[in-house]
Amino acid sequence: MAGEHFPQENGLSPEPRAAGPDRRDDFVAEEPRSWLSRAADEVAAWLGDPDAAGRRQRDKAAGDHTGEGPAGYVDTDERIRDELNKRLTFDPHLNASRIEARVVAGAVTLTGSVNTTAERRRAEDIAIAVPGVNQTHNRLVVD
C-alpha cells in the first residue's frame, strides 16, 4: 500500500498518510528552551507580543502531562482495591498476608496486623501512591 486515505468530511480532502513503520504520527518534542529564553518571552507576552505568547503556549503544552486524565474521571473503588492489593502483594519489603484493604469513595482503610512499624508505614505509603486514593486510614496493629 502506497498510502492510506481517510474519508472526506465537510468537503475537505485530507492528505494521504503513509502506512506501516514509516508512519510518523507522534509529535516530536523540541529541546526545552532555556530559562532565560522563557523568561524573556514571558515579559514580551505581557507587553503584547503575539509570537512570544505563542511560544509560551507551546512551552506549556510540551510539558509532562502524566496523570492528567479527563475532567470528572474517578477511579472505581474496585479498581483502586485491586491495584492496592497487587502492590501490597508484590512489595518485597512487606508481608501483606494479614492485611485487609477496604475502599469507599477513594478512601482506603487498612486493617489487620504487621510485624514491624516499618511495615505499617510501608503499607500506608503504598496505599497513598495508588492512583485514585484520596485518603488513608491506617488501622494496622504491630505484633
C-alpha atoms as a PDB file:
ATOM      1  CA  MET A   1       0.000   0.000   0.000  1.00  0.00           C
ATOM      2  CA  ALA A   2       1.422   3.339  -1.015  1.00  0.00           C
ATOM      3  CA  GLY A   3      -0.785   5.319   1.296  1.00  0.00           C
ATOM      4  CA  GLU A   4      -3.964   5.239   3.244  1.00  0.00           C
ATOM      5  CA  HIS A   5      -6.832   7.649   2.537  1.00  0.00           C
ATOM      6  CA  PHE A   6      -9.345   8.752   5.102  1.00  0.00           C
ATOM      7  CA  PRO A   7     -12.985   9.620   4.351  1.00  0.00           C
ATOM      8  CA  GLN A   8     -13.705  13.081   3.098  1.00  0.00           C
ATOM      9  CA  GLU A   9     -15.562  15.224   5.623  1.00  0.00           C
ATOM     10  CA  ASN A  10     -17.044  18.691   5.133  1.00  0.00           C
ATOM     11  CA  GLY A  11     -15.759  18.853   1.557  1.00  0.00           C
ATOM     12  CA  LEU A  12     -12.106  18.714   2.654  1.00  0.00           C
ATOM     13  CA  SER A  13      -9.804  16.092   1.254  1.00  0.00           C
ATOM     14  CA  PRO A  14      -7.052  15.154   3.716  1.00  0.00           C
ATOM     15  CA  GLU A  15      -3.540  14.383   2.561  1.00  0.00           C
ATOM     16  CA  PRO A  16      -2.765  10.666   2.198  1.00  0.00           C
ATOM     17  CA  ARG A  17      -0.899   9.318   5.219  1.00  0.00           C
ATOM     18  CA  ALA A  18       1.823   6.713   4.987  1.00  0.00           C
ATOM     19  CA  ALA A  19       1.039   3.300   6.399  1.00  0.00           C
ATOM     20  CA  GLY A  20       3.466   0.953   8.106  1.00  0.00           C
ATOM     21  CA  PRO A  21       6.664   1.508  10.075  1.00  0.00           C
ATOM     22  CA  ASP A  22       7.481   4.808   8.341  1.00  0.00           C
ATOM     23  CA  ARG A  23       4.270   6.406   9.618  1.00  0.00           C
ATOM     24  CA  ARG A  24       5.078   9.352  11.895  1.00  0.00           C
ATOM     25  CA  ASP A  25       2.025  10.466  13.861  1.00  0.00           C
ATOM     26  CA  ASP A  26       3.887  11.133  17.090  1.00  0.00           C
ATOM     27  CA  PHE A  27       4.706  14.706  17.985  1.00  0.00           C
ATOM     28  CA  VAL A  28       8.451  15.081  18.188  1.00  0.00           C
ATOM     29  CA  ALA A  29       9.187  17.484  21.011  1.00  0.00           C
ATOM     30  CA  GLU A  30      11.943  20.020  20.636  1.00  0.00           C
ATOM     31  CA  GLU A  31      14.601  20.504  23.271  1.00  0.00           C
ATOM     32  CA  PRO A  32      13.274  22.535  26.210  1.00  0.00           C
ATOM     33  CA  ARG A  33      14.064  26.213  25.889  1.00  0.00           C
ATOM     34  CA  SER A  34      16.376  27.843  28.414  1.00  0.00           C
ATOM     35  CA  TRP A  35      15.027  29.582  31.481  1.00  0.00           C
ATOM     36  CA  LEU A  36      16.264  32.937  30.159  1.00  0.00           C
ATOM     37  CA  SER A  37      14.506  32.479  26.812  1.00  0.00           C
ATOM     38  CA  ARG A  38      11.243  31.507  28.539  1.00  0.00           C
ATOM     39  CA  ALA A  39      11.511  34.467  30.932  1.00  0.00           C
ATOM     40  CA  ALA A  40      12.113  36.898  28.047  1.00  0.00           C
ATOM     41  CA  ASP A  41       9.019  35.569  26.278  1.00  0.00           C
ATOM     42  CA  GLU A  42       7.008  35.918  29.483  1.00  0.00           C
ATOM     43  CA  VAL A  43       7.807  39.645  29.624  1.00  0.00           C
ATOM     44  CA  ALA A  44       7.310  40.095  25.879  1.00  0.00           C
ATOM     45  CA  ALA A  45       3.901  38.419  26.103  1.00  0.00           C
ATOM     46  CA  TRP A  46       2.898  40.834  28.888  1.00  0.00           C
ATOM     47  CA  LEU A  47       3.806  43.663  26.538  1.00  0.00           C
ATOM     48  CA  GLY A  48       1.580  42.242  23.802  1.00  0.00           C
ATOM     49  CA  ASP A  49       3.977  40.284  21.563  1.00  0.00           C
ATOM     50  CA  PRO A  50       1.764  37.591  19.940  1.00  0.00           C
ATOM     51  CA  ASP A  51       4.754  35.471  18.839  1.00  0.00           C
ATOM     52  CA  ALA A  52       6.051  35.328  22.414  1.00  0.00           C
ATOM     53  CA  ALA A  53       2.585  34.363  23.658  1.00  0.00           C
ATOM     54  CA  GLY A  54       2.509  31.519  21.117  1.00  0.00           C
ATOM     55  CA  ARG A  55       5.909  30.236  22.231  1.00  0.00           C
ATOM     56  CA  ARG A  56       4.734  30.314  25.864  1.00  0.00           C
ATOM     57  CA  GLN A  57       1.685  28.225  24.932  1.00  0.00           C
ATOM     58  CA  ARG A  58       3.888  25.692  23.126  1.00  0.00           C
ATOM     59  CA  ASP A  59       6.206  25.508  26.160  1.00  0.00           C
ATOM     60  CA  LYS A  60       3.233  24.765  28.408  1.00  0.00           C
ATOM     61  CA  ALA A  61       1.797  22.144  26.023  1.00  0.00           C
ATOM     62  CA  ALA A  62       5.175  20.380  25.746  1.00  0.00           C
ATOM     63  CA  GLY A  63       5.309  19.652  29.488  1.00  0.00           C
ATOM     64  CA  ASP A  64       4.726  16.302  31.151  1.00  0.00           C
ATOM     65  CA  HIS A  65       1.003  15.597  31.415  1.00  0.00           C
ATOM     66  CA  THR A  66       1.219  12.182  33.047  1.00  0.00           C
ATOM     67  CA  GLY A  67      -1.735  11.602  35.351  1.00  0.00           C
ATOM     68  CA  GLU A  68      -3.896  14.344  33.874  1.00  0.00           C
ATOM     69  CA  GLY A  69      -6.994  12.394  32.881  1.00  0.00           C
ATOM     70  CA  PRO A  70     -10.325  13.535  31.511  1.00  0.00           C
ATOM     71  CA  ALA A  71     -12.331  16.021  33.569  1.00  0.00           C
ATOM     72  CA  GLY A  72     -14.593  14.345  36.096  1.00  0.00           C
ATOM     73  CA  TYR A  73     -12.948  10.904  35.769  1.00  0.00           C
ATOM     74  CA  VAL A  74     -12.924   8.961  39.034  1.00  0.00           C
ATOM     75  CA  ASP A  75     -11.430   5.512  39.514  1.00  0.00           C
ATOM     76  CA  THR A  76     -13.846   2.896  40.823  1.00  0.00           C
ATOM     77  CA  ASP A  77     -13.321   1.599  44.336  1.00  0.00           C
ATOM     78  CA  GLU A  78     -12.955  -1.929  42.944  1.00  0.00           C
ATOM     79  CA  ARG A  79     -10.138  -0.864  40.609  1.00  0.00           C
ATOM     80  CA  ILE A  80      -8.379   1.002  43.432  1.00  0.00           C
ATOM     81  CA  ARG A  81      -8.700  -2.012  45.748  1.00  0.00           C
ATOM     82  CA  ASP A  82      -7.364  -4.397  43.074  1.00  0.00           C
ATOM     83  CA  GLU A  83      -4.382  -2.144  42.332  1.00  0.00           C
ATOM     84  CA  LEU A  84      -3.642  -1.690  46.051  1.00  0.00           C
ATOM     85  CA  ASN A  85      -3.818  -5.430  46.736  1.00  0.00           C
ATOM     86  CA  LYS A  86      -1.423  -6.113  43.843  1.00  0.00           C
ATOM     87  CA  ARG A  87       1.048  -3.535  45.108  1.00  0.00           C
ATOM     88  CA  LEU A  88       0.857  -4.854  48.671  1.00  0.00           C
ATOM     89  CA  THR A  89       1.272  -8.444  47.465  1.00  0.00           C
ATOM     90  CA  PHE A  90       4.303  -7.814  45.273  1.00  0.00           C
ATOM     91  CA  ASP A  91       6.190  -5.447  47.579  1.00  0.00           C
ATOM     92  CA  PRO A  92       9.395  -7.257  48.611  1.00  0.00           C
ATOM     93  CA  HIS A  93       9.666  -5.393  51.949  1.00  0.00           C
ATOM     94  CA  LEU A  94       6.182  -6.145  53.242  1.00  0.00           C
ATOM     95  CA  ASN A  95       4.420  -9.297  54.414  1.00  0.00           C
ATOM     96  CA  ALA A  96       0.834  -8.396  53.499  1.00  0.00           C
ATOM     97  CA  SER A  97      -0.690 -11.787  54.356  1.00  0.00           C
ATOM     98  CA  ARG A  98      -2.513 -10.349  57.406  1.00  0.00           C
ATOM     99  CA  ILE A  99      -3.559  -7.018  55.863  1.00  0.00           C
ATOM    100  CA  GLU A 100      -7.076  -6.276  54.643  1.00  0.00           C
ATOM    101  CA  ALA A 101      -7.792  -3.238  52.488  1.00  0.00           C
ATOM    102  CA  ARG A 102     -11.232  -1.668  52.077  1.00  0.00           C
ATOM    103  CA  VAL A 103     -12.024   1.240  49.758  1.00  0.00           C
ATOM    104  CA  VAL A 104     -15.060   3.509  49.957  1.00  0.00           C
ATOM    105  CA  ALA A 105     -15.272   6.582  47.706  1.00  0.00           C
ATOM    106  CA  GLY A 106     -11.489   6.560  47.210  1.00  0.00           C
ATOM    107  CA  ALA A 107     -10.766   6.384  50.963  1.00  0.00           C
ATOM    108  CA  VAL A 108      -8.618   3.367  51.891  1.00  0.00           C
ATOM    109  CA  THR A 109      -8.832   1.673  55.281  1.00  0.00           C
ATOM    110  CA  LEU A 110      -6.047  -0.750  56.161  1.00  0.00           C
ATOM    111  CA  THR A 111      -6.814  -3.244  58.943  1.00  0.00           C
ATOM    112  CA  GLY A 112      -5.008  -6.282  60.305  1.00  0.00           C
ATOM    113  CA  SER A 113      -1.521  -6.722  61.672  1.00  0.00           C
ATOM    114  CA  VAL A 114       2.099  -6.450  60.575  1.00  0.00           C
ATOM    115  CA  ASN A 115       5.428  -7.424  62.132  1.00  0.00           C
ATOM    116  CA  THR A 116       7.131  -4.017  62.415  1.00  0.00           C
ATOM    117  CA  THR A 117       6.407  -0.308  62.496  1.00  0.00           C
ATOM    118  CA  ALA A 118       8.324  -0.007  59.223  1.00  0.00           C
ATOM    119  CA  GLU A 119       5.874  -2.437  57.577  1.00  0.00           C
ATOM    120  CA  ARG A 120       2.950  -0.423  58.941  1.00  0.00           C
ATOM    121  CA  ARG A 121       4.350   2.771  57.413  1.00  0.00           C
ATOM    122  CA  ARG A 122       5.244   0.962  54.191  1.00  0.00           C
ATOM    123  CA  ALA A 123       1.678  -0.313  53.731  1.00  0.00           C
ATOM    124  CA  GLU A 124       0.301   3.204  54.179  1.00  0.00           C
ATOM    125  CA  ASP A 125       2.850   4.650  51.747  1.00  0.00           C
ATOM    126  CA  ILE A 126       1.857   2.048  49.162  1.00  0.00           C
ATOM    127  CA  ALA A 127      -1.830   2.895  49.629  1.00  0.00           C
ATOM    128  CA  ILE A 128      -1.215   6.628  49.226  1.00  0.00           C
ATOM    129  CA  ALA A 129       0.689   6.017  45.978  1.00  0.00           C
ATOM    130  CA  VAL A 130      -2.220   4.224  44.250  1.00  0.00           C
ATOM    131  CA  PRO A 131      -3.945   6.493  41.704  1.00  0.00           C
ATOM    132  CA  GLY A 132      -7.465   7.411  42.811  1.00  0.00           C
ATOM    133  CA  VAL A 133      -6.774   7.213  46.547  1.00  0.00           C
ATOM    134  CA  ASN A 134      -7.780  10.451  48.242  1.00  0.00           C
ATOM    135  CA  GLN A 135      -7.476   9.426  51.897  1.00  0.00           C
ATOM    136  CA  THR A 136      -5.981   6.633  54.023  1.00  0.00           C
ATOM    137  CA  HIS A 137      -6.909   5.266  57.433  1.00  0.00           C
ATOM    138  CA  ASN A 138      -4.119   3.098  58.792  1.00  0.00           C
ATOM    139  CA  ARG A 139      -5.566   0.807  61.475  1.00  0.00           C
ATOM    140  CA  LEU A 140      -2.792  -1.754  61.223  1.00  0.00           C
ATOM    141  CA  VAL A 141      -1.504  -3.133  64.536  1.00  0.00           C
ATOM    142  CA  VAL A 142       2.135  -4.069  65.091  1.00  0.00           C
ATOM    143  CA  ASP A 143       2.506  -7.541  66.677  1.00  0.00           C
END
